[in-house]
Amino acid sequence: MKIEVCIPSWKEKKSVVLKEKATVKDLLDKLNLNPVTVIVAVNNEASIESRILRGRDTVKIIPVVSGG
């Protein structure tokens, strides 16, 4: 299945091919992203790593920024 992924630092959306019943964690693994460093929104709702993705989902990955 194809998932549309948007990361604000990317200039465009990216399609990622995953197996059926893939989870948010599977997507992060495929993109080599540490789940501790990002917030994942699926269809504009914050999601946990175990959420199963569907082919029509839109995913936004937001890097966590800290500083002082």
Protein backbone atom coordinates (compact mmCIF):
# COMPACT_ATOMS: atom_id res chain seq x y z
CA MET A 1 0.00 0.00 0.00
CA LYS A 2 1.09 3.59 -0.57
CA ILE A 3 1.06 6.19 2.19
CA GLU A 4 1.42 9.92 1.57
CA VAL A 5 3.97 11.39 3.98
CA CYS A 6 4.71 15.03 4.67
CA ILE A 7 7.64 16.25 6.75
CA PRO A 8 7.82 20.04 7.08
CA SER A 9 11.54 20.12 6.25
CA TRP A 10 10.81 18.32 2.96
CA LYS A 11 9.63 20.57 0.17
CA GLU A 12 7.09 18.05 -1.13
CA LYS A 13 5.01 15.08 -0.07
CA LYS A 14 6.52 11.65 -0.47
CA SER A 15 4.79 8.36 -1.22
CA VAL A 16 6.06 5.43 0.82
CA VAL A 17 5.20 1.83 -0.04
CA LEU A 18 4.46 -0.37 2.98
CA LYS A 19 3.02 -3.84 3.50
CA GLU A 20 -0.67 -4.16 4.34
CA LYS A 21 -1.48 -3.59 8.02
CA ALA A 22 1.78 -1.68 8.54
CA THR A 23 1.99 0.45 11.65
CA VAL A 24 3.29 3.94 12.33
CA LYS A 25 6.42 2.27 13.75
CA ASP A 26 6.92 0.37 10.47
CA LEU A 27 6.74 3.67 8.59
CA LEU A 28 9.24 5.34 10.92
CA ASP A 29 11.59 2.37 10.58
CA LYS A 30 11.38 2.54 6.77
CA LEU A 31 12.20 6.27 6.89
CA ASN A 32 15.02 5.68 9.43
CA LEU A 33 13.40 8.07 11.91
CA ASN A 34 13.71 7.73 15.68
CA PRO A 35 10.19 7.75 17.18
CA VAL A 36 11.47 9.70 20.19
CA THR A 37 12.39 12.65 17.97
CA VAL A 38 9.11 13.07 16.07
CA ILE A 39 5.36 13.44 16.49
CA VAL A 40 3.28 11.56 13.95
CA ALA A 41 -0.16 12.79 12.90
CA VAL A 42 -2.35 10.45 10.86
CA ASN A 43 -5.26 12.23 9.18
CA ASN A 44 -4.56 15.26 11.38
CA GLU A 45 -4.73 13.30 14.66
CA ALA A 46 -1.71 12.55 16.86
CA SER A 47 -1.00 8.84 16.68
CA ILE A 48 0.88 6.18 18.58
CA GLU A 49 3.43 3.79 17.08
CA SER A 50 1.07 0.81 17.13
CA ARG A 51 -1.60 2.48 14.97
CA ILE A 52 -2.29 0.49 11.81
CA LEU A 53 -2.11 2.57 8.66
CA ARG A 54 -4.50 2.38 5.71
CA GLY A 55 -3.82 3.16 2.08
CA ARG A 56 -5.79 6.40 2.12
CA ASP A 57 -4.13 7.81 5.25
CA THR A 58 -2.17 11.04 5.12
CA VAL A 59 0.74 11.17 7.53
CA LYS A 60 2.53 14.27 8.77
CA ILE A 61 5.77 13.79 10.68
CA ILE A 62 6.74 16.72 12.85
CA PRO A 63 10.25 16.88 14.32
CA VAL A 64 10.38 17.63 18.05
CA VAL A 65 12.45 20.74 18.66
CA SER A 66 13.84 21.79 22.01
CA GLY A 67 16.13 24.52 23.09
CA GLY A 68 16.70 27.12 25.63
